[in-house]
Amino acid sequence: MLDLYELEREKKRESEWMNYKGIRYKVEYTKRGAIKSIIVVCPKCGKVGRLVRQFSAKKYCMRVFHKQSSKEYICRFSAYGSPYFDILKELYYKIRCK
């Protein structure tokens, strides 16, 4: 049976769906309370995936990793070609850099 302390810890690990400038998201936490990943509903395809920032030699972009049963695919948002880039970047830094 869970005591009150354990119940409170369980609530911290689960996050409900929230909305940030039209992007639905939730945050997953580890057992110790650290942020594990940011789950978003992809604005490009409408499927659920993990939000990740990516640096390369020439570009900086935000990516949403989608995982299906057999394969993993990516939706990419760059500063030049996507209107959602700034919103996803703000969301990422809002959560990761508290």
PDB file of N, CA and C in Angstrom:
ATOM      1  N   MET A   1       0.842  -1.183   0.000  1.00  0.00           N
ATOM      2  CA  MET A   1       0.000   0.000   0.000  1.00  0.00           C
ATOM      3  C   MET A   1       0.888   1.248   0.000  1.00  0.00           C
ATOM      4  N   LEU A   2       0.540   2.218  -0.827  1.00  0.00           N
ATOM      5  CA  LEU A   2       1.325   3.440  -0.935  1.00  0.00           C
ATOM      6  C   LEU A   2       0.989   4.391   0.206  1.00  0.00           C
ATOM      7  N   ASP A   3       2.019   4.919   0.817  1.00  0.00           N
ATOM      8  CA  ASP A   3       1.756   5.955   1.817  1.00  0.00           C
ATOM      9  C   ASP A   3       1.669   7.311   1.108  1.00  0.00           C
ATOM     10  N   LEU A   4       1.434   8.357   1.845  1.00  0.00           N
ATOM     11  CA  LEU A   4       1.232   9.682   1.271  1.00  0.00           C
ATOM     12  C   LEU A   4       2.474  10.184   0.535  1.00  0.00           C
ATOM     13  N   TYR A   5       3.667   9.893   1.075  1.00  0.00           N
ATOM     14  CA  TYR A   5       4.918  10.317   0.448  1.00  0.00           C
ATOM     15  C   TYR A   5       5.089   9.657  -0.919  1.00  0.00           C
ATOM     16  N   GLU A   6       4.829   8.347  -0.992  1.00  0.00           N
ATOM     17  CA  GLU A   6       4.961   7.614  -2.253  1.00  0.00           C
ATOM     18  C   GLU A   6       3.942   8.116  -3.278  1.00  0.00           C
ATOM     19  N   LEU A   7       2.740   8.414  -2.823  1.00  0.00           N
ATOM     20  CA  LEU A   7       1.700   8.906  -3.719  1.00  0.00           C
ATOM     21  C   LEU A   7       2.084  10.257  -4.318  1.00  0.00           C
ATOM     22  N   GLU A   8       2.680  11.109  -3.516  1.00  0.00           N
ATOM     23  CA  GLU A   8       3.124  12.420  -3.996  1.00  0.00           C
ATOM     24  C   GLU A   8       4.244  12.271  -5.019  1.00  0.00           C
ATOM     25  N   ARG A   9       5.153  11.327  -4.793  1.00  0.00           N
ATOM     26  CA  ARG A   9       6.235  11.076  -5.751  1.00  0.00           C
ATOM     27  C   ARG A   9       5.690  10.564  -7.081  1.00  0.00           C
ATOM     28  N   GLU A  10       4.663   9.719  -7.033  1.00  0.00           N
ATOM     29  CA  GLU A  10       4.054   9.208  -8.260  1.00  0.00           C
ATOM     30  C   GLU A  10       3.431  10.346  -9.067  1.00  0.00           C
ATOM     31  N   LYS A  11       2.799  11.291  -8.401  1.00  0.00           N
ATOM     32  CA  LYS A  11       2.177  12.424  -9.084  1.00  0.00           C
ATOM     33  C   LYS A  11       3.221  13.293  -9.770  1.00  0.00           C
ATOM     34  N   LYS A  12       4.392  13.441  -9.157  1.00  0.00           N
ATOM     35  CA  LYS A  12       5.448  14.267  -9.748  1.00  0.00           C
ATOM     36  C   LYS A  12       5.982  13.668 -11.036  1.00  0.00           C
ATOM     37  N   ARG A  13       6.007  12.335 -11.133  1.00  0.00           N
ATOM     38  CA  ARG A  13       6.538  11.679 -12.323  1.00  0.00           C
ATOM     39  C   ARG A  13       5.596  11.787 -13.511  1.00  0.00           C
ATOM     40  N   GLU A  14       4.304  11.952 -13.246  1.00  0.00           N
ATOM     41  CA  GLU A  14       3.330  12.037 -14.319  1.00  0.00           C
ATOM     42  C   GLU A  14       2.954  13.493 -14.551  1.00  0.00           C
ATOM     43  N   SER A  15       2.896  13.881 -15.785  1.00  0.00           N
ATOM     44  CA  SER A  15       2.502  15.230 -16.139  1.00  0.00           C
ATOM     45  C   SER A  15       1.279  15.142 -17.037  1.00  0.00           C
ATOM     46  N   GLU A  16       0.383  16.094 -16.924  1.00  0.00           N
ATOM     47  CA  GLU A  16      -0.796  16.116 -17.782  1.00  0.00           C
ATOM     48  C   GLU A  16      -0.492  16.910 -19.044  1.00  0.00           C
ATOM     49  N   TRP A  17      -1.312  16.712 -20.060  1.00  0.00           N
ATOM     50  CA  TRP A  17      -1.136  17.441 -21.307  1.00  0.00           C
ATOM     51  C   TRP A  17      -1.411  18.913 -21.067  1.00  0.00           C
ATOM     52  N   MET A  18      -0.508  19.753 -21.557  1.00  0.00           N
ATOM     53  CA  MET A  18      -0.634  21.202 -21.434  1.00  0.00           C
ATOM     54  C   MET A  18      -0.531  21.818 -22.828  1.00  0.00           C
ATOM     55  N   ASN A  19      -0.810  23.104 -22.921  1.00  0.00           N
ATOM     56  CA  ASN A  19      -0.784  23.785 -24.200  1.00  0.00           C
ATOM     57  C   ASN A  19       0.141  24.996 -24.114  1.00  0.00           C
ATOM     58  N   TYR A  20       1.024  25.160 -25.108  1.00  0.00           N
ATOM     59  CA  TYR A  20       1.911  26.312 -25.178  1.00  0.00           C
ATOM     60  C   TYR A  20       1.876  26.855 -26.593  1.00  0.00           C
ATOM     61  N   LYS A  21       1.210  27.967 -26.791  1.00  0.00           N
ATOM     62  CA  LYS A  21       1.094  28.630 -28.096  1.00  0.00           C
ATOM     63  C   LYS A  21       0.624  27.682 -29.197  1.00  0.00           C
ATOM     64  N   GLY A  22      -0.343  26.856 -28.871  1.00  0.00           N
ATOM     65  CA  GLY A  22      -0.918  25.945 -29.857  1.00  0.00           C
ATOM     66  C   GLY A  22      -0.244  24.585 -29.943  1.00  0.00           C
ATOM     67  N   ILE A  23       0.828  24.361 -29.207  1.00  0.00           N
ATOM     68  CA  ILE A  23       1.524  23.075 -29.208  1.00  0.00           C
ATOM     69  C   ILE A  23       1.149  22.327 -27.921  1.00  0.00           C
ATOM     70  N   ARG A  24       0.589  21.133 -28.066  1.00  0.00           N
ATOM     71  CA  ARG A  24       0.260  20.326 -26.886  1.00  0.00           C
ATOM     72  C   ARG A  24       1.504  19.550 -26.467  1.00  0.00           C
ATOM     73  N   TYR A  25       1.762  19.521 -25.155  1.00  0.00           N
ATOM     74  CA  TYR A  25       2.952  18.843 -24.661  1.00  0.00           C
ATOM     75  C   TYR A  25       2.727  18.316 -23.250  1.00  0.00           C
ATOM     76  N   LYS A  26       3.592  17.392 -22.859  1.00  0.00           N
ATOM     77  CA  LYS A  26       3.671  16.958 -21.470  1.00  0.00           C
ATOM     78  C   LYS A  26       5.120  16.589 -21.186  1.00  0.00           C
ATOM     79  N   VAL A  27       5.464  16.553 -19.907  1.00  0.00           N
ATOM     80  CA  VAL A  27       6.842  16.299 -19.496  1.00  0.00           C
ATOM     81  C   VAL A  27       6.895  14.973 -18.766  1.00  0.00           C
ATOM     82  N   GLU A  28       7.865  14.125 -19.119  1.00  0.00           N
ATOM     83  CA  GLU A  28       8.099  12.870 -18.405  1.00  0.00           C
ATOM     84  C   GLU A  28       9.266  13.061 -17.455  1.00  0.00           C
ATOM     85  N   TYR A  29       9.130  12.516 -16.259  1.00  0.00           N
ATOM     86  CA  TYR A  29      10.163  12.641 -15.234  1.00  0.00           C
ATOM     87  C   TYR A  29      10.737  11.278 -14.885  1.00  0.00           C
ATOM     88  N   THR A  30      11.981  11.265 -14.394  1.00  0.00           N
ATOM     89  CA  THR A  30      12.588  10.045 -13.893  1.00  0.00           C
ATOM     90  C   THR A  30      12.088   9.792 -12.477  1.00  0.00           C
ATOM     91  N   LYS A  31      12.512   8.690 -11.884  1.00  0.00           N
ATOM     92  CA  LYS A  31      12.099   8.366 -10.512  1.00  0.00           C
ATOM     93  C   LYS A  31      12.602   9.390  -9.506  1.00  0.00           C
ATOM     94  N   ARG A  32      13.717  10.012  -9.801  1.00  0.00           N
ATOM     95  CA  ARG A  32      14.284  11.007  -8.879  1.00  0.00           C
ATOM     96  C   ARG A  32      13.749  12.415  -9.106  1.00  0.00           C
ATOM     97  N   GLY A  33      12.891  12.594 -10.096  1.00  0.00           N
ATOM     98  CA  GLY A  33      12.276  13.895 -10.328  1.00  0.00           C
ATOM     99  C   GLY A  33      12.931  14.743 -11.396  1.00  0.00           C
ATOM    100  N   ALA A  34      13.976  14.230 -12.050  1.00  0.00           N
ATOM    101  CA  ALA A  34      14.616  14.981 -13.138  1.00  0.00           C
ATOM    102  C   ALA A  34      13.784  14.838 -14.416  1.00  0.00           C
ATOM    103  N   ILE A  35      13.935  15.781 -15.321  1.00  0.00           N
ATOM    104  CA  ILE A  35      13.183  15.736 -16.574  1.00  0.00           C
ATOM    105  C   ILE A  35      13.785  14.669 -17.479  1.00  0.00           C
ATOM    106  N   LYS A  36      12.943  13.723 -17.905  1.00  0.00           N
ATOM    107  CA  LYS A  36      13.392  12.646 -18.774  1.00  0.00           C
ATOM    108  C   LYS A  36      13.238  13.044 -20.239  1.00  0.00           C
ATOM    109  N   SER A  37      12.050  13.479 -20.615  1.00  0.00           N
ATOM    110  CA  SER A  37      11.820  13.901 -21.993  1.00  0.00           C
ATOM    111  C   SER A  37      10.589  14.794 -22.090  1.00  0.00           C
ATOM    112  N   ILE A  38      10.516  15.520 -23.193  1.00  0.00           N
ATOM    113  CA  ILE A  38       9.385  16.390 -23.489  1.00  0.00           C
ATOM    114  C   ILE A  38       8.601  15.716 -24.612  1.00  0.00           C
ATOM    115  N   ILE A  39       7.366  15.371 -24.333  1.00  0.00           N
ATOM    116  CA  ILE A  39       6.508  14.710 -25.309  1.00  0.00           C
ATOM    117  C   ILE A  39       5.593  15.767 -25.917  1.00  0.00           C
ATOM    118  N   VAL A  40       5.567  15.861 -27.250  1.00  0.00           N
ATOM    119  CA  VAL A  40       4.734  16.853 -27.926  1.00  0.00           C
ATOM    120  C   VAL A  40       3.865  16.182 -28.984  1.00  0.00           C
ATOM    121  N   VAL A  41       2.774  16.844 -29.332  1.00  0.00           N
ATOM    122  CA  VAL A  41       1.997  16.465 -30.500  1.00  0.00           C
ATOM    123  C   VAL A  41       2.598  17.261 -31.651  1.00  0.00           C
ATOM    124  N   CYS A  42       3.146  16.556 -32.614  1.00  0.00           N
ATOM    125  CA  CYS A  42       3.890  17.184 -33.705  1.00  0.00           C
ATOM    126  C   CYS A  42       2.992  18.113 -34.513  1.00  0.00           C
ATOM    127  N   PRO A  43       3.410  19.383 -34.692  1.00  0.00           N
ATOM    128  CA  PRO A  43       2.600  20.310 -35.480  1.00  0.00           C
ATOM    129  C   PRO A  43       2.599  20.000 -36.980  1.00  0.00           C
ATOM    130  N   LYS A  44       3.570  19.216 -37.434  1.00  0.00           N
ATOM    131  CA  LYS A  44       3.661  18.896 -38.862  1.00  0.00           C
ATOM    132  C   LYS A  44       2.763  17.712 -39.236  1.00  0.00           C
ATOM    133  N   CYS A  45       2.825  16.623 -38.454  1.00  0.00           N
ATOM    134  CA  CYS A  45       2.071  15.419 -38.835  1.00  0.00           C
ATOM    135  C   CYS A  45       0.957  15.058 -37.851  1.00  0.00           C
ATOM    136  N   GLY A  46       0.951  15.657 -36.652  1.00  0.00           N
ATOM    137  CA  GLY A  46      -0.120  15.403 -35.698  1.00  0.00           C
ATOM    138  C   GLY A  46       0.066  14.175 -34.823  1.00  0.00           C
ATOM    139  N   LYS A  47       1.229  13.518 -34.902  1.00  0.00           N
ATOM    140  CA  LYS A  47       1.481  12.337 -34.080  1.00  0.00           C
ATOM    141  C   LYS A  47       2.316  12.709 -32.864  1.00  0.00           C
ATOM    142  N   VAL A  48       2.292  11.858 -31.857  1.00  0.00           N
ATOM    143  CA  VAL A  48       3.011  12.104 -30.610  1.00  0.00           C
ATOM    144  C   VAL A  48       4.475  11.693 -30.769  1.00  0.00           C
ATOM    145  N   GLY A  49       5.382  12.517 -30.206  1.00  0.00           N
ATOM    146  CA  GLY A  49       6.804  12.208 -30.282  1.00  0.00           C
ATOM    147  C   GLY A  49       7.608  12.986 -29.257  1.00  0.00           C
ATOM    148  N   ARG A  50       8.925  12.695 -29.174  1.00  0.00           N
ATOM    149  CA  ARG A  50       9.833  13.370 -28.238  1.00  0.00           C
ATOM    150  C   ARG A  50      10.469  14.571 -28.907  1.00  0.00           C
ATOM    151  N   LEU A  51      10.504  15.703 -28.194  1.00  0.00           N
ATOM    152  CA  LEU A  51      11.121  16.929 -28.709  1.00  0.00           C
ATOM    153  C   LEU A  51      12.593  16.952 -28.319  1.00  0.00           C
ATOM    154  N   VAL A  52      13.458  17.148 -29.324  1.00  0.00           N
ATOM    155  CA  VAL A  52      14.908  17.148 -29.116  1.00  0.00           C
ATOM    156  C   VAL A  52      15.507  18.298 -29.910  1.00  0.00           C
ATOM    157  N   ARG A  53      16.518  18.964 -29.359  1.00  0.00           N
ATOM    158  CA  ARG A  53      17.241  19.974 -30.146  1.00  0.00           C
ATOM    159  C   ARG A  53      18.460  19.306 -30.746  1.00  0.00           C
ATOM    160  N   GLN A  54      18.879  19.783 -31.897  1.00  0.00           N
ATOM    161  CA  GLN A  54      20.011  19.164 -32.576  1.00  0.00           C
ATOM    162  C   GLN A  54      20.891  20.232 -33.196  1.00  0.00           C
ATOM    163  N   PHE A  55      22.183  20.096 -32.934  1.00  0.00           N
ATOM    164  CA  PHE A  55      23.180  20.972 -33.542  1.00  0.00           C
ATOM    165  C   PHE A  55      23.949  20.167 -34.568  1.00  0.00           C
ATOM    166  N   SER A  56      24.245  20.779 -35.675  1.00  0.00           N
ATOM    167  CA  SER A  56      25.161  20.163 -36.640  1.00  0.00           C
ATOM    168  C   SER A  56      26.181  21.228 -37.032  1.00  0.00           C
ATOM    169  N   ALA A  57      27.056  20.903 -37.926  1.00  0.00           N
ATOM    170  CA  ALA A  57      28.116  21.836 -38.307  1.00  0.00           C
ATOM    171  C   ALA A  57      27.557  23.125 -38.914  1.00  0.00           C
ATOM    172  N   LYS A  58      26.465  23.029 -39.637  1.00  0.00           N
ATOM    173  CA  LYS A  58      25.939  24.200 -40.329  1.00  0.00           C
ATOM    174  C   LYS A  58      24.611  24.705 -39.763  1.00  0.00           C
ATOM    175  N   LYS A  59      23.816  23.815 -39.169  1.00  0.00           N
ATOM    176  CA  LYS A  59      22.452  24.185 -38.817  1.00  0.00           C
ATOM    177  C   LYS A  59      22.112  23.864 -37.362  1.00  0.00           C
ATOM    178  N   TYR A  60      21.107  24.561 -36.877  1.00  0.00           N
ATOM    179  CA  TYR A  60      20.524  24.314 -35.568  1.00  0.00           C
ATOM    180  C   TYR A  60      19.049  24.046 -35.817  1.00  0.00           C
ATOM    181  N   CYS A  61      18.540  22.928 -35.338  1.00  0.00           N
ATOM    182  CA  CYS A  61      17.142  22.619 -35.599  1.00  0.00           C
ATOM    183  C   CYS A  61      16.522  21.892 -34.409  1.00  0.00           C
ATOM    184  N   MET A  62      15.207  21.849 -34.402  1.00  0.00           N
ATOM    185  CA  MET A  62      14.451  21.092 -33.418  1.00  0.00           C
ATOM    186  C   MET A  62      13.880  19.887 -34.149  1.00  0.00           C
ATOM    187  N   ARG A  63      13.872  18.740 -33.473  1.00  0.00           N
ATOM    188  CA  ARG A  63      13.354  17.524 -34.097  1.00  0.00           C
ATOM    189  C   ARG A  63      12.345  16.860 -33.185  1.00  0.00           C
ATOM    190  N   VAL A  64      11.371  16.222 -33.794  1.00  0.00           N
ATOM    191  CA  VAL A  64      10.397  15.424 -33.058  1.00  0.00           C
ATOM    192  C   VAL A  64      10.582  13.986 -33.522  1.00  0.00           C
ATOM    193  N   PHE A  65      10.978  13.107 -32.596  1.00  0.00           N
ATOM    194  CA  PHE A  65      11.199  11.700 -32.898  1.00  0.00           C
ATOM    195  C   PHE A  65       9.911  10.935 -32.636  1.00  0.00           C
ATOM    196  N   HIS A  66       9.415  10.252 -33.676  1.00  0.00           N
ATOM    197  CA  HIS A  66       8.216   9.438 -33.559  1.00  0.00           C
ATOM    198  C   HIS A  66       8.641   7.977 -33.569  1.00  0.00           C
ATOM    199  N   LYS A  67       8.030   7.183 -32.732  1.00  0.00           N
ATOM    200  CA  LYS A  67       8.387   5.773 -32.680  1.00  0.00           C
ATOM    201  C   LYS A  67       7.149   4.939 -32.976  1.00  0.00           C
ATOM    202  N   GLN A  68       7.204   4.192 -34.065  1.00  0.00           N
ATOM    203  CA  GLN A  68       6.150   3.242 -34.376  1.00  0.00           C
ATOM    204  C   GLN A  68       6.624   1.867 -33.954  1.00  0.00           C
ATOM    205  N   SER A  69       5.799   0.871 -34.149  1.00  0.00           N
ATOM    206  CA  SER A  69       6.159  -0.472 -33.706  1.00  0.00           C
ATOM    207  C   SER A  69       7.393  -1.017 -34.411  1.00  0.00           C
ATOM    208  N   SER A  70       7.574  -0.677 -35.679  1.00  0.00           N
ATOM    209  CA  SER A  70       8.689  -1.259 -36.420  1.00  0.00           C
ATOM    210  C   SER A  70       9.831  -0.294 -36.716  1.00  0.00           C
ATOM    211  N   LYS A  71       9.550   1.013 -36.745  1.00  0.00           N
ATOM    212  CA  LYS A  71      10.615   1.950 -37.108  1.00  0.00           C
ATOM    213  C   LYS A  71      10.441   3.280 -36.378  1.00  0.00           C
ATOM    214  N   GLU A  72      11.489   4.071 -36.410  1.00  0.00           N
ATOM    215  CA  GLU A  72      11.452   5.408 -35.825  1.00  0.00           C
ATOM    216  C   GLU A  72      11.685   6.410 -36.949  1.00  0.00           C
ATOM    217  N   TYR A  73      10.858   7.441 -36.994  1.00  0.00           N
ATOM    218  CA  TYR A  73      11.046   8.463 -38.000  1.00  0.00           C
ATOM    219  C   TYR A  73      11.026   9.845 -37.358  1.00  0.00           C
ATOM    220  N   ILE A  74      11.472  10.860 -38.118  1.00  0.00           N
ATOM    221  CA  ILE A  74      11.741  12.182 -37.554  1.00  0.00           C
ATOM    222  C   ILE A  74      11.014  13.256 -38.365  1.00  0.00           C
ATOM    223  N   CYS A  75      10.450  14.238 -37.650  1.00  0.00           N
ATOM    224  CA  CYS A  75       9.986  15.475 -38.277  1.00  0.00           C
ATOM    225  C   CYS A  75      10.977  16.560 -37.860  1.00  0.00           C
ATOM    226  N   ARG A  76      11.500  17.286 -38.826  1.00  0.00           N
ATOM    227  CA  ARG A  76      12.557  18.267 -38.590  1.00  0.00           C
ATOM    228  C   ARG A  76      12.012  19.677 -38.760  1.00  0.00           C
ATOM    229  N   PHE A  77      12.399  20.559 -37.835  1.00  0.00           N
ATOM    230  CA  PHE A  77      11.971  21.962 -37.879  1.00  0.00           C
ATOM    231  C   PHE A  77      13.221  22.834 -37.828  1.00  0.00           C
ATOM    232  N   SER A  78      13.491  23.553 -38.920  1.00  0.00           N
ATOM    233  CA  SER A  78      14.668  24.422 -38.947  1.00  0.00           C
ATOM    234  C   SER A  78      14.227  25.878 -38.882  1.00  0.00           C
ATOM    235  N   ALA A  79      15.165  26.753 -38.600  1.00  0.00           N
ATOM    236  CA  ALA A  79      14.871  28.184 -38.478  1.00  0.00           C
ATOM    237  C   ALA A  79      14.476  28.782 -39.818  1.00  0.00           C
ATOM    238  N   TYR A  80      14.924  28.184 -40.909  1.00  0.00           N
ATOM    239  CA  TYR A  80      14.678  28.758 -42.227  1.00  0.00           C
ATOM    240  C   TYR A  80      13.372  28.297 -42.856  1.00  0.00           C
ATOM    241  N   GLY A  81      12.995  27.044 -42.617  1.00  0.00           N
ATOM    242  CA  GLY A  81      11.866  26.509 -43.358  1.00  0.00           C
ATOM    243  C   GLY A  81      10.607  26.246 -42.570  1.00  0.00           C
ATOM    244  N   SER A  82      10.600  26.470 -41.278  1.00  0.00           N
ATOM    245  CA  SER A  82       9.427  26.087 -40.492  1.00  0.00           C
ATOM    246  C   SER A  82       8.924  27.233 -39.623  1.00  0.00           C
ATOM    247  N   PRO A  83       7.628  27.500 -39.678  1.00  0.00           N
ATOM    248  CA  PRO A  83       7.069  28.530 -38.795  1.00  0.00           C
ATOM    249  C   PRO A  83       6.972  28.076 -37.344  1.00  0.00           C
ATOM    250  N   TYR A  84       7.074  26.774 -37.088  1.00  0.00           N
ATOM    251  CA  TYR A  84       6.963  26.241 -35.729  1.00  0.00           C
ATOM    252  C   TYR A  84       8.287  26.212 -34.979  1.00  0.00           C
ATOM    253  N   PHE A  85       9.386  26.510 -35.659  1.00  0.00           N
ATOM    254  CA  PHE A  85      10.706  26.411 -35.032  1.00  0.00           C
ATOM    255  C   PHE A  85      10.820  27.272 -33.777  1.00  0.00           C
ATOM    256  N   ASP A  86      10.428  28.537 -33.860  1.00  0.00           N
ATOM    257  CA  ASP A  86      10.563  29.447 -32.716  1.00  0.00           C
ATOM    258  C   ASP A  86       9.715  28.999 -31.528  1.00  0.00           C
ATOM    259  N   ILE A  87       8.512  28.504 -31.796  1.00  0.00           N
ATOM    260  CA  ILE A  87       7.635  28.048 -30.710  1.00  0.00           C
ATOM    261  C   ILE A  87       8.225  26.815 -30.037  1.00  0.00           C
ATOM    262  N   LEU A  88       8.710  25.859 -30.831  1.00  0.00           N
ATOM    263  CA  LEU A  88       9.305  24.644 -30.261  1.00  0.00           C
ATOM    264  C   LEU A  88      10.584  24.961 -29.491  1.00  0.00           C
ATOM    265  N   LYS A  89      11.364  25.907 -29.993  1.00  0.00           N
ATOM    266  CA  LYS A  89      12.597  26.311 -29.308  1.00  0.00           C
ATOM    267  C   LYS A  89      12.270  26.968 -27.964  1.00  0.00           C
ATOM    268  N   GLU A  90      11.287  27.864 -27.940  1.00  0.00           N
ATOM    269  CA  GLU A  90      10.862  28.497 -26.683  1.00  0.00           C
ATOM    270  C   GLU A  90      10.363  27.465 -25.693  1.00  0.00           C
ATOM    271  N   LEU A  91       9.576  26.519 -26.174  1.00  0.00           N
ATOM    272  CA  LEU A  91       9.038  25.461 -25.307  1.00  0.00           C
ATOM    273  C   LEU A  91      10.167  24.628 -24.720  1.00  0.00           C
ATOM    274  N   TYR A  92      11.124  24.242 -25.558  1.00  0.00           N
ATOM    275  CA  TYR A  92      12.245  23.415 -25.108  1.00  0.00           C
ATOM    276  C   TYR A  92      13.026  24.130 -23.991  1.00  0.00           C
ATOM    277  N   TYR A  93      13.386  25.393 -24.227  1.00  0.00           N
ATOM    278  CA  TYR A  93      14.179  26.125 -23.236  1.00  0.00           C
ATOM    279  C   TYR A  93      13.369  26.495 -21.991  1.00  0.00           C
ATOM    280  N   LYS A  94      12.067  26.673 -22.168  1.00  0.00           N
ATOM    281  CA  LYS A  94      11.200  26.943 -21.015  1.00  0.00           C
ATOM    282  C   LYS A  94      11.214  25.768 -20.030  1.00  0.00           C
ATOM    283  N   ILE A  95      11.205  24.557 -20.566  1.00  0.00           N
ATOM    284  CA  ILE A  95      11.159  23.364 -19.718  1.00  0.00           C
ATOM    285  C   ILE A  95      12.553  22.947 -19.254  1.00  0.00           C
ATOM    286  N   ARG A  96      13.514  22.911 -20.153  1.00  0.00           N
ATOM    287  CA  ARG A  96      14.853  22.405 -19.809  1.00  0.00           C
ATOM    288  C   ARG A  96      15.690  23.377 -19.000  1.00  0.00           C
ATOM    289  N   CYS A  97      15.478  24.666 -19.161  1.00  0.00           N
ATOM    290  CA  CYS A  97      16.348  25.655 -18.519  1.00  0.00           C
ATOM    291  C   CYS A  97      15.610  26.431 -17.430  1.00  0.00           C
ATOM    292  N   LYS A  98      14.883  25.735 -16.599  1.00  0.00           N
ATOM    293  CA  LYS A  98      14.194  26.401 -15.479  1.00  0.00           C
ATOM    294  C   LYS A  98      15.183  26.822 -14.429  1.00  0.00           C
TER     295      LYS A  98
END
